[in-house]
């Protein structure tokens, strides 16, 4: 069963994901949230926090946030000298960081923000604006249904 807002997914025997062929859509939100809250917001409104897999995407992200202020992206340090994107991928180029970054001056396990000049690491609990990735914002009713569906899936996996 589905409606015009939220199609129902029928999963039989697994989930196949394919890489998008077009450039991602980035959406800047001038709301002050922690990294975790920003990610939750993006999961409901779009698909996730912004992920970058190429120089072209890094440039598009910079253009999206230009002149608007520092904003969370989907990059988080998980320890053992490893940065991961919120979608689980780990491809990362050091050329996107601002000079002298990441510097880990603000403590262990930081998250990343985009700012003028490149990326910066800082505590995930800090408040920042955010950049989401994905299509157009979903209506509120759809948000509630998706959130319930997402929680059911997560609970099954735990």
N, C-alpha and C. Protein backbone atom coordinates (compact mmCIF):
# COMPACT_ATOMS: atom_id res chain seq x y z
N UNK A 1 0.86 -1.18 0.00
CA UNK A 1 0.00 0.00 0.00
C UNK A 1 0.89 1.23 0.00
N UNK A 2 0.53 2.22 -0.78
CA UNK A 2 1.30 3.47 -0.81
C UNK A 2 0.37 4.62 -1.11
N UNK A 3 0.87 5.82 -0.86
CA UNK A 3 0.13 7.02 -1.24
C UNK A 3 1.08 7.93 -1.99
N UNK A 4 0.61 9.09 -2.37
CA UNK A 4 1.44 9.99 -3.16
C UNK A 4 2.61 10.55 -2.36
N UNK A 5 2.55 10.42 -1.06
CA UNK A 5 3.59 10.99 -0.21
C UNK A 5 4.71 10.00 0.05
N UNK A 6 4.38 8.82 0.48
CA UNK A 6 5.40 7.86 0.91
C UNK A 6 5.17 6.50 0.28
N UNK A 7 5.93 6.13 -0.72
CA UNK A 7 5.78 4.79 -1.27
C UNK A 7 6.26 3.76 -0.27
N UNK A 8 5.62 2.61 -0.26
CA UNK A 8 6.01 1.53 0.63
C UNK A 8 7.02 0.66 -0.10
N UNK A 9 8.09 0.32 0.57
CA UNK A 9 9.12 -0.52 -0.02
C UNK A 9 8.82 -1.98 0.27
N UNK A 10 8.92 -2.82 -0.72
CA UNK A 10 8.76 -4.25 -0.54
C UNK A 10 10.13 -4.89 -0.70
N UNK A 11 10.70 -5.35 0.39
CA UNK A 11 12.04 -5.93 0.36
C UNK A 11 11.92 -7.45 0.38
N UNK A 12 12.47 -8.09 -0.61
CA UNK A 12 12.42 -9.55 -0.66
C UNK A 12 13.83 -10.07 -0.87
N UNK A 13 14.43 -10.56 0.18
CA UNK A 13 15.73 -11.18 0.06
C UNK A 13 16.91 -10.23 0.02
N UNK A 14 16.73 -8.99 0.37
CA UNK A 14 17.87 -8.09 0.43
C UNK A 14 17.57 -6.76 -0.22
N UNK A 15 18.50 -5.86 -0.06
CA UNK A 15 18.35 -4.51 -0.56
C UNK A 15 19.52 -4.21 -1.49
N UNK A 16 19.22 -3.76 -2.67
CA UNK A 16 20.26 -3.42 -3.63
C UNK A 16 20.31 -1.91 -3.79
N UNK A 17 21.48 -1.35 -3.55
CA UNK A 17 21.65 0.08 -3.70
C UNK A 17 22.57 0.34 -4.87
N UNK A 18 22.26 1.35 -5.64
CA UNK A 18 23.13 1.71 -6.75
C UNK A 18 23.58 3.14 -6.58
N UNK A 19 24.75 3.45 -7.05
CA UNK A 19 25.30 4.80 -6.94
C UNK A 19 24.55 5.74 -7.87
N UNK A 20 24.28 6.94 -7.41
CA UNK A 20 23.60 7.89 -8.28
C UNK A 20 24.50 8.32 -9.42
N UNK A 21 23.90 8.55 -10.58
CA UNK A 21 24.66 8.96 -11.74
C UNK A 21 24.84 10.47 -11.80
N UNK A 22 23.91 11.20 -11.24
CA UNK A 22 23.96 12.66 -11.28
C UNK A 22 24.63 13.19 -10.01
N UNK A 23 24.98 14.45 -10.04
CA UNK A 23 25.53 15.11 -8.86
C UNK A 23 24.48 15.12 -7.76
N UNK A 24 24.92 15.04 -6.52
CA UNK A 24 23.95 15.06 -5.42
C UNK A 24 23.32 16.44 -5.28
N UNK A 25 22.16 16.49 -4.67
CA UNK A 25 21.51 17.76 -4.33
C UNK A 25 21.86 18.04 -2.88
N UNK A 26 22.39 19.22 -2.62
CA UNK A 26 22.71 19.65 -1.25
C UNK A 26 21.74 20.75 -0.84
N UNK A 27 21.31 20.70 0.43
CA UNK A 27 20.35 21.66 0.95
C UNK A 27 20.88 22.21 2.27
N UNK A 28 21.09 23.52 2.33
CA UNK A 28 21.60 24.19 3.52
C UNK A 28 20.44 24.59 4.43
N UNK A 29 20.57 24.33 5.74
CA UNK A 29 19.57 24.74 6.72
C UNK A 29 20.26 25.55 7.80
N UNK A 30 19.76 26.74 8.04
CA UNK A 30 20.33 27.62 9.05
C UNK A 30 19.66 27.37 10.40
N UNK A 31 19.75 26.12 10.86
CA UNK A 31 19.25 25.73 12.17
C UNK A 31 20.45 25.27 12.99
N UNK A 32 20.53 25.66 14.24
CA UNK A 32 21.66 25.30 15.07
C UNK A 32 21.35 23.98 15.78
N UNK A 33 22.07 22.92 15.36
CA UNK A 33 21.86 21.59 15.91
C UNK A 33 23.20 20.91 16.16
N UNK A 34 23.21 19.92 17.05
CA UNK A 34 24.39 19.07 17.20
C UNK A 34 24.50 18.20 15.95
N UNK A 35 25.64 17.53 15.77
CA UNK A 35 25.81 16.69 14.59
C UNK A 35 24.76 15.58 14.56
N UNK A 36 24.52 14.93 15.69
CA UNK A 36 23.54 13.83 15.74
C UNK A 36 22.14 14.32 15.41
N UNK A 37 21.75 15.47 15.97
CA UNK A 37 20.43 16.02 15.68
C UNK A 37 20.33 16.47 14.22
N UNK A 38 21.43 17.00 13.69
CA UNK A 38 21.46 17.40 12.29
C UNK A 38 21.27 16.18 11.40
N UNK A 39 21.92 15.09 11.74
CA UNK A 39 21.77 13.87 10.94
C UNK A 39 20.33 13.37 10.99
N UNK A 40 19.74 13.35 12.18
CA UNK A 40 18.34 12.92 12.30
C UNK A 40 17.42 13.79 11.45
N UNK A 41 17.65 15.08 11.48
CA UNK A 41 16.86 16.01 10.67
C UNK A 41 16.98 15.66 9.19
N UNK A 42 18.21 15.46 8.73
CA UNK A 42 18.43 15.16 7.31
C UNK A 42 17.84 13.81 6.91
N UNK A 43 17.90 12.83 7.79
CA UNK A 43 17.33 11.52 7.49
C UNK A 43 15.83 11.63 7.25
N UNK A 44 15.18 12.53 7.97
CA UNK A 44 13.74 12.70 7.82
C UNK A 44 13.40 13.58 6.62
N UNK A 45 14.12 14.67 6.45
CA UNK A 45 13.79 15.64 5.41
C UNK A 45 14.31 15.27 4.02
N UNK A 46 15.45 14.62 3.94
CA UNK A 46 16.07 14.31 2.65
C UNK A 46 16.56 12.86 2.67
N UNK A 47 17.86 12.65 2.66
CA UNK A 47 18.35 11.27 2.78
C UNK A 47 19.42 11.15 3.86
N UNK A 48 20.28 12.16 4.04
CA UNK A 48 21.32 12.11 5.07
C UNK A 48 22.06 13.44 5.07
N UNK A 49 23.02 13.59 5.96
CA UNK A 49 23.92 14.73 5.90
C UNK A 49 24.74 14.62 4.62
N UNK A 50 25.30 15.72 4.18
CA UNK A 50 26.05 15.76 2.93
C UNK A 50 27.25 14.81 2.95
N UNK A 51 27.42 14.08 1.86
CA UNK A 51 28.55 13.18 1.64
C UNK A 51 29.27 13.64 0.37
N UNK A 52 30.59 13.56 0.39
CA UNK A 52 31.40 14.00 -0.74
C UNK A 52 32.26 12.85 -1.21
N UNK A 53 32.19 12.53 -2.50
CA UNK A 53 33.00 11.43 -3.05
C UNK A 53 33.90 11.87 -4.19
N UNK A 54 33.88 13.17 -4.53
CA UNK A 54 34.73 13.65 -5.62
C UNK A 54 35.01 15.13 -5.44
N UNK A 55 35.96 15.63 -6.18
CA UNK A 55 36.28 17.06 -6.13
C UNK A 55 35.10 17.88 -6.63
N UNK A 56 34.37 17.38 -7.63
CA UNK A 56 33.20 18.09 -8.14
C UNK A 56 32.14 18.24 -7.05
N UNK A 57 31.92 17.18 -6.28
CA UNK A 57 30.95 17.24 -5.20
C UNK A 57 31.43 18.18 -4.09
N UNK A 58 32.73 18.18 -3.81
CA UNK A 58 33.29 19.09 -2.81
C UNK A 58 33.06 20.55 -3.22
N UNK A 59 33.22 20.82 -4.50
CA UNK A 59 33.00 22.18 -5.01
C UNK A 59 31.53 22.55 -4.95
N UNK A 60 30.64 21.61 -5.27
CA UNK A 60 29.21 21.86 -5.18
C UNK A 60 28.79 22.11 -3.73
N UNK A 61 29.33 21.34 -2.81
CA UNK A 61 29.05 21.54 -1.39
C UNK A 61 29.51 22.92 -0.94
N UNK A 62 30.73 23.30 -1.32
CA UNK A 62 31.26 24.61 -0.95
C UNK A 62 30.38 25.73 -1.51
N UNK A 63 29.91 25.56 -2.74
CA UNK A 63 29.05 26.56 -3.37
C UNK A 63 27.70 26.66 -2.64
N UNK A 64 27.16 25.51 -2.21
CA UNK A 64 25.88 25.48 -1.50
C UNK A 64 25.97 26.25 -0.18
N UNK A 65 27.09 26.11 0.53
CA UNK A 65 27.24 26.73 1.84
C UNK A 65 27.90 28.11 1.79
N UNK A 66 28.39 28.52 0.65
CA UNK A 66 29.15 29.78 0.52
C UNK A 66 28.36 30.98 1.05
N UNK A 67 29.00 31.73 1.93
CA UNK A 67 28.40 32.94 2.46
C UNK A 67 27.29 32.73 3.47
N UNK A 68 27.01 31.49 3.81
CA UNK A 68 25.90 31.19 4.72
C UNK A 68 26.36 30.83 6.12
N UNK A 69 27.62 30.50 6.30
CA UNK A 69 28.12 30.12 7.62
C UNK A 69 28.51 28.66 7.68
N UNK A 70 29.21 28.32 8.73
CA UNK A 70 29.71 26.96 8.94
C UNK A 70 28.54 26.00 9.12
N UNK A 71 28.69 24.77 8.61
CA UNK A 71 27.59 23.82 8.65
C UNK A 71 28.10 22.38 8.73
N UNK A 72 27.39 21.56 9.46
CA UNK A 72 27.73 20.14 9.56
C UNK A 72 27.64 19.45 8.21
N UNK A 73 28.56 18.53 7.98
CA UNK A 73 28.47 17.58 6.87
C UNK A 73 28.48 16.19 7.49
N UNK A 74 28.31 15.17 6.70
CA UNK A 74 28.15 13.82 7.23
C UNK A 74 29.43 13.08 7.58
N UNK A 75 30.46 13.78 7.95
CA UNK A 75 31.75 13.15 8.23
C UNK A 75 32.03 13.14 9.73
N UNK A 76 32.43 11.95 10.23
CA UNK A 76 32.67 11.78 11.66
C UNK A 76 33.87 10.87 11.88
N UNK A 77 34.68 11.22 12.87
CA UNK A 77 35.85 10.41 13.22
C UNK A 77 35.39 9.32 14.18
N UNK A 78 35.70 8.07 13.85
CA UNK A 78 35.21 6.97 14.68
C UNK A 78 36.33 6.32 15.48
N UNK A 79 37.46 6.95 15.57
CA UNK A 79 38.58 6.38 16.30
C UNK A 79 39.42 5.51 15.38
N UNK A 80 40.46 4.96 15.92
CA UNK A 80 41.40 4.15 15.14
C UNK A 80 41.81 4.84 13.85
N UNK A 81 41.99 6.17 13.93
CA UNK A 81 42.45 6.98 12.80
C UNK A 81 41.60 6.82 11.55
N UNK A 82 40.29 6.82 11.72
CA UNK A 82 39.41 6.60 10.58
C UNK A 82 38.23 7.56 10.58
N UNK A 83 38.07 8.26 9.48
CA UNK A 83 36.90 9.11 9.25
C UNK A 83 35.91 8.34 8.40
N UNK A 84 34.64 8.41 8.77
CA UNK A 84 33.58 7.75 8.00
C UNK A 84 32.46 8.73 7.70
N UNK A 85 31.83 8.54 6.55
CA UNK A 85 30.64 9.30 6.22
C UNK A 85 29.45 8.69 6.94
N UNK A 86 28.43 9.49 7.18
CA UNK A 86 27.24 9.01 7.88
C UNK A 86 26.54 7.90 7.12
N UNK A 87 26.75 7.79 5.80
CA UNK A 87 26.15 6.70 5.03
C UNK A 87 26.97 5.42 5.10
N UNK A 88 28.08 5.44 5.85
CA UNK A 88 28.91 4.24 6.04
C UNK A 88 30.12 4.17 5.12
N UNK A 89 30.19 5.04 4.13
CA UNK A 89 31.35 5.00 3.23
C UNK A 89 32.53 5.72 3.87
N UNK A 90 33.71 5.40 3.39
CA UNK A 90 34.90 5.97 4.00
C UNK A 90 35.83 6.66 3.05
N UNK A 91 35.45 6.82 1.79
CA UNK A 91 36.32 7.48 0.82
C UNK A 91 36.48 8.95 1.19
N UNK A 92 37.72 9.38 1.31
CA UNK A 92 37.97 10.73 1.76
C UNK A 92 39.30 11.22 1.23
N UNK A 93 39.33 12.44 0.78
CA UNK A 93 40.56 13.05 0.31
C UNK A 93 41.00 14.12 1.29
N UNK A 94 42.29 14.16 1.59
CA UNK A 94 42.79 15.17 2.51
C UNK A 94 42.77 16.56 1.90
N UNK A 95 42.56 16.67 0.61
CA UNK A 95 42.60 17.97 -0.06
C UNK A 95 41.39 18.84 0.26
N UNK A 96 40.36 18.31 0.88
CA UNK A 96 39.16 19.09 1.19
C UNK A 96 39.28 19.82 2.54
N UNK A 97 40.21 19.41 3.38
CA UNK A 97 40.37 20.01 4.70
C UNK A 97 40.99 21.40 4.59
N UNK A 98 40.62 22.28 5.51
CA UNK A 98 41.25 23.58 5.62
C UNK A 98 42.70 23.36 6.06
N UNK A 99 43.54 24.37 5.91
CA UNK A 99 44.94 24.25 6.33
C UNK A 99 45.00 23.86 7.80
N UNK A 100 45.91 22.96 8.14
CA UNK A 100 46.13 22.48 9.52
C UNK A 100 44.98 21.66 10.07
N UNK A 101 44.08 21.20 9.22
CA UNK A 101 42.95 20.37 9.66
C UNK A 101 43.05 18.99 9.03
N UNK A 102 42.49 17.99 9.66
CA UNK A 102 41.92 18.02 11.01
C UNK A 102 43.03 18.09 12.05
N UNK A 103 42.77 18.80 13.14
CA UNK A 103 43.81 18.96 14.16
C UNK A 103 43.47 18.33 15.51
N UNK A 104 42.24 17.87 15.69
CA UNK A 104 41.82 17.17 16.90
C UNK A 104 42.08 17.97 18.17
N UNK A 105 42.10 19.30 18.07
CA UNK A 105 42.35 20.15 19.24
C UNK A 105 41.16 20.19 20.19
N UNK A 106 39.99 19.86 19.68
CA UNK A 106 38.78 19.97 20.48
C UNK A 106 38.36 18.67 21.14
N UNK A 107 39.24 17.68 21.18
CA UNK A 107 38.92 16.44 21.84
C UNK A 107 38.78 15.28 20.89
N UNK A 108 38.55 14.10 21.44
CA UNK A 108 38.46 12.88 20.61
C UNK A 108 37.14 12.77 19.86
N UNK A 109 37.16 11.97 18.82
CA UNK A 109 35.97 11.63 18.04
C UNK A 109 35.17 12.84 17.57
N UNK A 110 35.82 13.75 16.85
CA UNK A 110 35.11 14.93 16.36
C UNK A 110 34.28 14.63 15.11
N UNK A 111 33.49 15.62 14.74
CA UNK A 111 32.73 15.59 13.51
C UNK A 111 33.26 16.71 12.62
N UNK A 112 32.81 16.77 11.37
CA UNK A 112 33.33 17.76 10.44
C UNK A 112 32.26 18.75 10.00
N UNK A 113 32.72 19.97 9.79
CA UNK A 113 31.87 21.02 9.25
C UNK A 113 32.52 21.55 7.99
N UNK A 114 31.69 22.10 7.11
CA UNK A 114 32.22 22.82 5.96
C UNK A 114 32.21 24.29 6.31
N UNK A 115 33.26 24.99 5.93
CA UNK A 115 33.37 26.42 6.20
C UNK A 115 34.18 27.06 5.09
N UNK A 116 34.22 28.37 5.06
CA UNK A 116 35.03 29.06 4.06
C UNK A 116 36.46 28.55 4.18
N UNK A 117 37.04 28.09 3.11
CA UNK A 117 38.42 27.62 3.13
C UNK A 117 38.57 26.12 3.22
N UNK A 118 37.51 25.39 3.54
CA UNK A 118 37.62 23.93 3.62
C UNK A 118 36.87 23.36 4.81
N UNK A 119 37.23 22.15 5.19
CA UNK A 119 36.56 21.48 6.30
C UNK A 119 37.33 21.67 7.59
N UNK A 120 36.61 21.56 8.70
CA UNK A 120 37.17 21.72 10.03
C UNK A 120 36.59 20.64 10.93
N UNK A 121 37.41 20.15 11.87
CA UNK A 121 36.90 19.19 12.85
C UNK A 121 36.58 19.92 14.15
N UNK A 122 35.52 19.51 14.82
CA UNK A 122 35.11 20.08 16.09
C UNK A 122 34.20 19.09 16.81
N UNK A 123 33.96 19.30 18.11
CA UNK A 123 33.11 18.36 18.86
C UNK A 123 31.72 18.22 18.24
N UNK A 124 31.24 17.01 18.19
CA UNK A 124 29.94 16.72 17.59
C UNK A 124 28.79 17.37 18.36
N UNK A 125 29.02 17.74 19.62
CA UNK A 125 27.97 18.34 20.44
C UNK A 125 27.78 19.83 20.17
N UNK A 126 28.71 20.44 19.45
CA UNK A 126 28.60 21.87 19.13
C UNK A 126 27.38 22.10 18.25
N UNK A 127 26.83 23.29 18.33
CA UNK A 127 25.71 23.66 17.48
C UNK A 127 26.18 24.29 16.18
N UNK A 128 25.66 23.81 15.08
CA UNK A 128 26.00 24.33 13.76
C UNK A 128 24.77 24.25 12.85
N UNK A 129 24.82 25.01 11.78
CA UNK A 129 23.84 24.84 10.70
C UNK A 129 24.17 23.49 10.05
N UNK A 130 23.46 23.10 9.01
CA UNK A 130 23.69 21.78 8.43
C UNK A 130 23.43 21.78 6.93
N UNK A 131 24.07 20.83 6.26
CA UNK A 131 23.84 20.62 4.84
C UNK A 131 23.37 19.18 4.66
N UNK A 132 22.15 19.03 4.15
CA UNK A 132 21.59 17.72 3.87
C UNK A 132 21.83 17.37 2.41
N UNK A 133 21.74 16.09 2.14
CA UNK A 133 21.87 15.58 0.77
C UNK A 133 20.61 14.82 0.43
N UNK A 134 20.15 14.95 -0.81
CA UNK A 134 18.97 14.21 -1.24
C UNK A 134 18.01 15.10 -1.98
N UNK A 135 16.89 14.52 -2.37
CA UNK A 135 15.89 15.23 -3.15
C UNK A 135 15.15 16.28 -2.34
N UNK A 136 14.04 16.73 -2.90
CA UNK A 136 13.24 17.77 -2.27
C UNK A 136 12.73 17.33 -0.90
N UNK A 137 12.48 18.31 -0.06
CA UNK A 137 11.97 18.06 1.28
C UNK A 137 10.61 17.36 1.21
N UNK A 138 10.43 16.37 2.08
CA UNK A 138 9.18 15.61 2.12
C UNK A 138 8.16 16.34 2.99
N UNK A 139 6.88 16.22 2.69
CA UNK A 139 5.85 16.85 3.52
C UNK A 139 5.89 16.29 4.95
N UNK A 140 5.34 17.06 5.89
CA UNK A 140 5.38 16.68 7.29
C UNK A 140 4.72 15.33 7.55
N UNK A 141 3.57 15.07 6.95
CA UNK A 141 2.89 13.79 7.16
C UNK A 141 3.79 12.64 6.73
N UNK A 142 4.47 12.83 5.62
CA UNK A 142 5.40 11.81 5.15
C UNK A 142 6.55 11.66 6.14
N UNK A 143 7.02 12.78 6.72
CA UNK A 143 8.09 12.72 7.72
C UNK A 143 7.72 11.78 8.86
N UNK A 144 6.49 11.92 9.36
CA UNK A 144 6.05 11.10 10.48
C UNK A 144 5.99 9.63 10.09
N UNK A 145 5.47 9.33 8.92
CA UNK A 145 5.39 7.94 8.47
C UNK A 145 6.78 7.36 8.24
N UNK A 146 7.67 8.13 7.63
CA UNK A 146 9.03 7.65 7.39
C UNK A 146 9.76 7.41 8.70
N UNK A 147 9.60 8.34 9.64
CA UNK A 147 10.27 8.20 10.92
C UNK A 147 9.82 6.90 11.61
N UNK A 148 8.52 6.62 11.58
CA UNK A 148 7.99 5.40 12.18
C UNK A 148 8.56 4.18 11.46
N UNK A 149 8.57 4.20 10.12
CA UNK A 149 9.11 3.10 9.33
C UNK A 149 10.59 2.91 9.64
N UNK A 150 11.35 4.01 9.69
CA UNK A 150 12.78 3.95 9.97
C UNK A 150 13.04 3.35 11.35
N UNK A 151 12.29 3.77 12.35
CA UNK A 151 12.46 3.23 13.71
C UNK A 151 12.14 1.75 13.75
N UNK A 152 11.13 1.31 13.01
CA UNK A 152 10.81 -0.12 12.96
C UNK A 152 11.96 -0.92 12.36
N UNK A 153 12.57 -0.41 11.31
CA UNK A 153 13.70 -1.09 10.67
C UNK A 153 14.89 -1.15 11.62
N UNK A 154 15.19 -0.01 12.26
CA UNK A 154 16.33 0.04 13.18
C UNK A 154 16.11 -0.92 14.34
N UNK A 155 14.91 -0.95 14.88
CA UNK A 155 14.63 -1.84 16.01
C UNK A 155 14.78 -3.30 15.60
N UNK A 156 14.43 -3.64 14.39
CA UNK A 156 14.60 -5.03 13.91
C UNK A 156 16.06 -5.39 13.78
N UNK A 157 16.91 -4.41 13.43
CA UNK A 157 18.32 -4.68 13.26
C UNK A 157 19.06 -4.79 14.58
N UNK A 158 18.53 -4.20 15.64
CA UNK A 158 19.21 -4.23 16.94
C UNK A 158 19.00 -5.50 17.70
